[in-house]
């Protein structure tokens, strides 16, 4: 299984390329795309979130790699017969207010 997705790491990558969405929102988007059409979900995710014009920057490449890893992890969790899928939320040390906000997203 791929390693666990870290909320803050994904959130930082998204902010570094100027996206105004949280890691929780992206996790929900990816989950829905995988459930809706797994075969096209990776291309749909990339098309929805990333502008190809920025593809030559290190920040873009890093964000795309993290999104691809997140996609793979969510796909594994959704296929898990032990129901390993879980929400992507900030760590417990982030505080209840931040975690609640991410839950709403």
N, C-alpha and C. Protein backbone atom coordinates (compact mmCIF):
# COMPACT_ATOMS: atom_id res chain seq x y z
N UNK A 1 0.84 -1.17 0.00
CA UNK A 1 0.00 0.00 0.00
C UNK A 1 0.89 1.25 0.00
N UNK A 2 0.48 2.27 -0.70
CA UNK A 2 1.21 3.53 -0.74
C UNK A 2 1.16 4.17 0.64
N UNK A 3 2.16 5.00 0.93
CA UNK A 3 2.16 5.64 2.25
C UNK A 3 1.00 6.61 2.40
N UNK A 4 0.66 6.86 3.63
CA UNK A 4 -0.48 7.72 3.95
C UNK A 4 -0.26 9.14 3.43
N UNK A 5 -1.32 9.74 2.95
CA UNK A 5 -1.28 11.11 2.47
C UNK A 5 -1.26 12.03 3.69
N UNK A 6 -0.38 13.01 3.68
CA UNK A 6 -0.30 13.97 4.78
C UNK A 6 -1.03 15.25 4.39
N UNK A 7 -1.97 15.64 5.21
CA UNK A 7 -2.81 16.81 4.94
C UNK A 7 -1.96 18.05 4.69
N UNK A 8 -1.08 18.38 5.61
CA UNK A 8 -0.31 19.61 5.51
C UNK A 8 0.62 19.62 4.30
N UNK A 9 1.19 18.49 3.97
CA UNK A 9 2.07 18.40 2.80
C UNK A 9 1.29 18.67 1.52
N UNK A 10 0.15 18.02 1.36
CA UNK A 10 -0.68 18.24 0.17
C UNK A 10 -1.17 19.68 0.14
N UNK A 11 -1.60 20.20 1.28
CA UNK A 11 -2.10 21.56 1.35
C UNK A 11 -1.02 22.57 0.94
N UNK A 12 0.20 22.35 1.38
CA UNK A 12 1.32 23.23 1.02
C UNK A 12 1.58 23.20 -0.48
N UNK A 13 1.58 22.01 -1.07
CA UNK A 13 1.79 21.90 -2.52
C UNK A 13 0.70 22.64 -3.30
N UNK A 14 -0.53 22.53 -2.85
CA UNK A 14 -1.63 23.23 -3.52
C UNK A 14 -1.46 24.74 -3.43
N UNK A 15 -1.10 25.23 -2.26
CA UNK A 15 -0.91 26.67 -2.07
C UNK A 15 0.30 27.17 -2.87
N UNK A 16 1.35 26.34 -2.98
CA UNK A 16 2.55 26.75 -3.71
C UNK A 16 2.30 27.04 -5.19
N UNK A 17 1.25 26.44 -5.74
CA UNK A 17 0.95 26.72 -7.16
C UNK A 17 -0.26 27.65 -7.29
N UNK A 18 -0.69 28.21 -6.17
CA UNK A 18 -1.73 29.21 -6.21
C UNK A 18 -3.16 28.71 -6.20
N UNK A 19 -3.36 27.43 -5.91
CA UNK A 19 -4.73 26.91 -5.84
C UNK A 19 -5.38 27.34 -4.53
N UNK A 20 -6.60 27.76 -4.61
CA UNK A 20 -7.33 28.23 -3.44
C UNK A 20 -8.29 27.17 -2.91
N UNK A 21 -7.85 25.93 -2.92
CA UNK A 21 -8.63 24.82 -2.38
C UNK A 21 -7.79 24.13 -1.32
N UNK A 22 -8.45 23.52 -0.37
CA UNK A 22 -7.73 22.82 0.70
C UNK A 22 -7.46 21.37 0.31
N UNK A 23 -6.58 20.76 1.06
CA UNK A 23 -6.29 19.34 0.86
C UNK A 23 -7.55 18.51 1.08
N UNK A 24 -8.40 18.91 2.02
CA UNK A 24 -9.65 18.17 2.27
C UNK A 24 -10.57 18.24 1.06
N UNK A 25 -10.68 19.42 0.44
CA UNK A 25 -11.53 19.56 -0.75
C UNK A 25 -10.99 18.72 -1.90
N UNK A 26 -9.69 18.73 -2.08
CA UNK A 26 -9.07 17.95 -3.16
C UNK A 26 -9.26 16.46 -2.91
N UNK A 27 -9.14 16.04 -1.67
CA UNK A 27 -9.35 14.63 -1.32
C UNK A 27 -10.78 14.21 -1.68
N UNK A 28 -11.74 15.06 -1.37
CA UNK A 28 -13.13 14.77 -1.73
C UNK A 28 -13.34 14.73 -3.23
N UNK A 29 -12.71 15.66 -3.95
CA UNK A 29 -12.81 15.69 -5.41
C UNK A 29 -12.24 14.41 -6.01
N UNK A 30 -11.06 14.04 -5.56
CA UNK A 30 -10.41 12.83 -6.07
C UNK A 30 -11.25 11.59 -5.76
N UNK A 31 -11.77 11.51 -4.54
CA UNK A 31 -12.60 10.36 -4.15
C UNK A 31 -13.82 10.24 -5.05
N UNK A 32 -14.49 11.36 -5.29
CA UNK A 32 -15.67 11.34 -6.15
C UNK A 32 -15.34 10.97 -7.58
N UNK A 33 -14.23 11.47 -8.09
CA UNK A 33 -13.83 11.14 -9.46
C UNK A 33 -13.50 9.66 -9.61
N UNK A 34 -12.83 9.12 -8.63
CA UNK A 34 -12.49 7.69 -8.67
C UNK A 34 -13.77 6.85 -8.64
N UNK A 35 -14.70 7.20 -7.77
CA UNK A 35 -15.95 6.45 -7.68
C UNK A 35 -16.79 6.61 -8.94
N UNK A 36 -16.74 7.77 -9.55
CA UNK A 36 -17.55 8.04 -10.73
C UNK A 36 -17.02 7.40 -12.00
N UNK A 37 -15.70 7.41 -12.17
CA UNK A 37 -15.13 6.87 -13.40
C UNK A 37 -13.64 6.65 -13.18
N UNK A 38 -13.30 5.51 -12.58
CA UNK A 38 -11.91 5.25 -12.23
C UNK A 38 -10.98 5.37 -13.43
N UNK A 39 -11.38 4.85 -14.57
CA UNK A 39 -10.51 4.83 -15.75
C UNK A 39 -10.08 6.22 -16.18
N UNK A 40 -10.93 7.20 -15.99
CA UNK A 40 -10.61 8.57 -16.42
C UNK A 40 -10.28 9.50 -15.27
N UNK A 41 -10.32 9.01 -14.04
CA UNK A 41 -10.22 9.88 -12.87
C UNK A 41 -8.89 10.62 -12.76
N UNK A 42 -7.79 9.98 -13.09
CA UNK A 42 -6.50 10.65 -12.98
C UNK A 42 -6.40 11.80 -13.98
N UNK A 43 -6.83 11.58 -15.21
CA UNK A 43 -6.81 12.64 -16.22
C UNK A 43 -7.79 13.75 -15.86
N UNK A 44 -8.95 13.39 -15.34
CA UNK A 44 -9.93 14.40 -14.93
C UNK A 44 -9.39 15.25 -13.79
N UNK A 45 -8.77 14.60 -12.82
CA UNK A 45 -8.19 15.31 -11.68
C UNK A 45 -7.14 16.31 -12.16
N UNK A 46 -6.25 15.84 -13.00
CA UNK A 46 -5.19 16.70 -13.51
C UNK A 46 -5.77 17.88 -14.28
N UNK A 47 -6.74 17.61 -15.12
CA UNK A 47 -7.36 18.67 -15.91
C UNK A 47 -8.11 19.68 -15.06
N UNK A 48 -8.74 19.23 -13.98
CA UNK A 48 -9.51 20.11 -13.09
C UNK A 48 -8.61 20.99 -12.24
N UNK A 49 -7.49 20.44 -11.78
CA UNK A 49 -6.70 21.14 -10.77
C UNK A 49 -5.45 21.84 -11.30
N UNK A 50 -4.90 21.36 -12.39
CA UNK A 50 -3.59 21.86 -12.81
C UNK A 50 -3.64 22.54 -14.17
N UNK A 51 -3.02 23.68 -14.25
CA UNK A 51 -2.89 24.38 -15.52
C UNK A 51 -1.60 23.90 -16.18
N UNK A 52 -1.72 23.37 -17.38
CA UNK A 52 -0.53 22.86 -18.07
C UNK A 52 0.50 23.95 -18.35
N UNK A 53 0.08 25.22 -18.42
CA UNK A 53 1.01 26.30 -18.70
C UNK A 53 2.07 26.44 -17.61
N UNK A 54 1.78 25.94 -16.42
CA UNK A 54 2.72 26.03 -15.31
C UNK A 54 3.56 24.78 -15.14
N UNK A 55 3.47 23.87 -16.09
CA UNK A 55 4.08 22.55 -15.91
C UNK A 55 5.60 22.53 -15.87
N UNK A 56 6.25 23.64 -16.19
CA UNK A 56 7.71 23.62 -16.18
C UNK A 56 8.31 24.11 -14.86
N UNK A 57 7.48 24.47 -13.90
CA UNK A 57 8.02 24.94 -12.62
C UNK A 57 8.20 23.77 -11.65
N UNK A 58 9.19 23.87 -10.78
CA UNK A 58 9.38 22.80 -9.78
C UNK A 58 8.17 22.64 -8.87
N UNK A 59 7.51 23.77 -8.52
CA UNK A 59 6.34 23.71 -7.65
C UNK A 59 5.21 22.93 -8.32
N UNK A 60 5.02 23.15 -9.60
CA UNK A 60 3.99 22.43 -10.36
C UNK A 60 4.30 20.94 -10.39
N UNK A 61 5.55 20.60 -10.70
CA UNK A 61 5.93 19.18 -10.77
C UNK A 61 5.74 18.50 -9.42
N UNK A 62 6.15 19.19 -8.34
CA UNK A 62 5.99 18.62 -7.00
C UNK A 62 4.52 18.43 -6.65
N UNK A 63 3.70 19.41 -6.99
CA UNK A 63 2.27 19.32 -6.69
C UNK A 63 1.63 18.19 -7.50
N UNK A 64 1.98 18.10 -8.77
CA UNK A 64 1.42 17.03 -9.61
C UNK A 64 1.81 15.66 -9.07
N UNK A 65 3.05 15.52 -8.62
CA UNK A 65 3.50 14.24 -8.06
C UNK A 65 2.72 13.90 -6.79
N UNK A 66 2.50 14.91 -5.94
CA UNK A 66 1.75 14.67 -4.70
C UNK A 66 0.29 14.34 -4.99
N UNK A 67 -0.30 15.02 -5.96
CA UNK A 67 -1.68 14.72 -6.35
C UNK A 67 -1.80 13.31 -6.92
N UNK A 68 -0.83 12.91 -7.72
CA UNK A 68 -0.84 11.56 -8.30
C UNK A 68 -0.71 10.51 -7.21
N UNK A 69 0.15 10.79 -6.22
CA UNK A 69 0.31 9.87 -5.09
C UNK A 69 -0.98 9.81 -4.26
N UNK A 70 -1.62 10.95 -4.09
CA UNK A 70 -2.88 11.00 -3.35
C UNK A 70 -3.96 10.20 -4.09
N UNK A 71 -4.01 10.35 -5.40
CA UNK A 71 -4.96 9.59 -6.22
C UNK A 71 -4.75 8.09 -6.03
N UNK A 72 -3.50 7.66 -6.09
CA UNK A 72 -3.19 6.23 -5.94
C UNK A 72 -3.60 5.73 -4.56
N UNK A 73 -3.34 6.52 -3.54
CA UNK A 73 -3.68 6.12 -2.18
C UNK A 73 -5.19 6.03 -1.99
N UNK A 74 -5.92 7.02 -2.48
CA UNK A 74 -7.38 7.00 -2.36
C UNK A 74 -7.95 5.79 -3.10
N UNK A 75 -7.43 5.51 -4.29
CA UNK A 75 -7.91 4.35 -5.05
C UNK A 75 -7.69 3.06 -4.27
N UNK A 76 -6.51 2.93 -3.63
CA UNK A 76 -6.23 1.74 -2.81
C UNK A 76 -7.20 1.64 -1.64
N UNK A 77 -7.42 2.77 -0.97
CA UNK A 77 -8.31 2.77 0.19
C UNK A 77 -9.74 2.41 -0.19
N UNK A 78 -10.19 2.89 -1.34
CA UNK A 78 -11.56 2.60 -1.77
C UNK A 78 -11.74 1.13 -2.17
N UNK A 79 -10.68 0.49 -2.61
CA UNK A 79 -10.74 -0.92 -2.99
C UNK A 79 -10.54 -1.86 -1.80
N UNK A 80 -10.11 -1.34 -0.68
CA UNK A 80 -9.77 -2.14 0.49
C UNK A 80 -10.99 -2.87 1.04
N UNK A 81 -10.97 -4.21 1.08
CA UNK A 81 -12.11 -4.95 1.62
C UNK A 81 -12.30 -4.73 3.12
N UNK A 82 -11.28 -4.21 3.80
CA UNK A 82 -11.38 -3.92 5.23
C UNK A 82 -11.89 -2.51 5.49
N UNK A 83 -12.34 -1.85 4.43
CA UNK A 83 -12.89 -0.49 4.51
C UNK A 83 -11.87 0.49 5.08
N UNK A 84 -10.68 0.53 4.45
CA UNK A 84 -9.59 1.38 4.91
C UNK A 84 -9.70 2.84 4.51
N UNK A 85 -10.75 3.20 3.80
CA UNK A 85 -10.90 4.59 3.38
C UNK A 85 -11.17 5.48 4.58
N UNK A 86 -10.50 6.61 4.60
CA UNK A 86 -10.71 7.57 5.68
C UNK A 86 -10.64 8.98 5.15
N UNK A 87 -11.22 9.89 5.87
CA UNK A 87 -11.18 11.30 5.49
C UNK A 87 -9.77 11.83 5.66
N UNK A 88 -9.40 12.78 4.83
CA UNK A 88 -8.12 13.44 4.96
C UNK A 88 -8.33 14.71 5.77
N UNK A 89 -7.80 14.71 6.99
CA UNK A 89 -7.95 15.84 7.91
C UNK A 89 -6.59 16.21 8.47
N UNK A 90 -6.44 17.44 8.95
CA UNK A 90 -5.20 17.81 9.61
C UNK A 90 -4.96 16.90 10.82
N UNK A 91 -3.72 16.77 11.21
CA UNK A 91 -3.37 15.93 12.36
C UNK A 91 -4.08 16.45 13.62
N UNK A 92 -4.26 15.57 14.58
CA UNK A 92 -4.94 15.93 15.82
C UNK A 92 -4.33 17.13 16.53
N UNK A 93 -3.03 17.31 16.40
CA UNK A 93 -2.35 18.43 17.05
C UNK A 93 -2.74 19.77 16.45
N UNK A 94 -3.38 19.75 15.28
CA UNK A 94 -3.79 20.99 14.61
C UNK A 94 -4.93 21.68 15.34
N UNK A 95 -5.60 20.95 16.18
CA UNK A 95 -6.71 21.54 16.94
C UNK A 95 -8.06 21.20 16.33
N UNK A 96 -9.06 21.20 17.20
CA UNK A 96 -10.40 20.81 16.76
C UNK A 96 -11.02 21.78 15.77
N UNK A 97 -10.75 23.07 15.92
CA UNK A 97 -11.35 24.06 15.01
C UNK A 97 -10.86 23.84 13.58
N UNK A 98 -9.57 23.63 13.43
CA UNK A 98 -9.01 23.40 12.08
C UNK A 98 -9.50 22.09 11.50
N UNK A 99 -9.57 21.07 12.33
CA UNK A 99 -10.05 19.78 11.85
C UNK A 99 -11.53 19.85 11.47
N UNK A 100 -12.32 20.58 12.24
CA UNK A 100 -13.74 20.73 11.93
C UNK A 100 -13.94 21.49 10.63
N UNK A 101 -13.13 22.52 10.41
CA UNK A 101 -13.23 23.28 9.17
C UNK A 101 -12.92 22.38 7.97
N UNK A 102 -11.86 21.56 8.10
CA UNK A 102 -11.50 20.63 7.01
C UNK A 102 -12.59 19.60 6.80
N UNK A 103 -13.23 19.15 7.85
CA UNK A 103 -14.33 18.19 7.74
C UNK A 103 -15.47 18.78 6.92
N UNK A 104 -15.76 20.04 7.12
CA UNK A 104 -16.80 20.72 6.37
C UNK A 104 -16.44 20.92 4.89
N UNK A 105 -15.16 20.96 4.61
CA UNK A 105 -14.72 21.15 3.23
C UNK A 105 -14.79 19.85 2.48
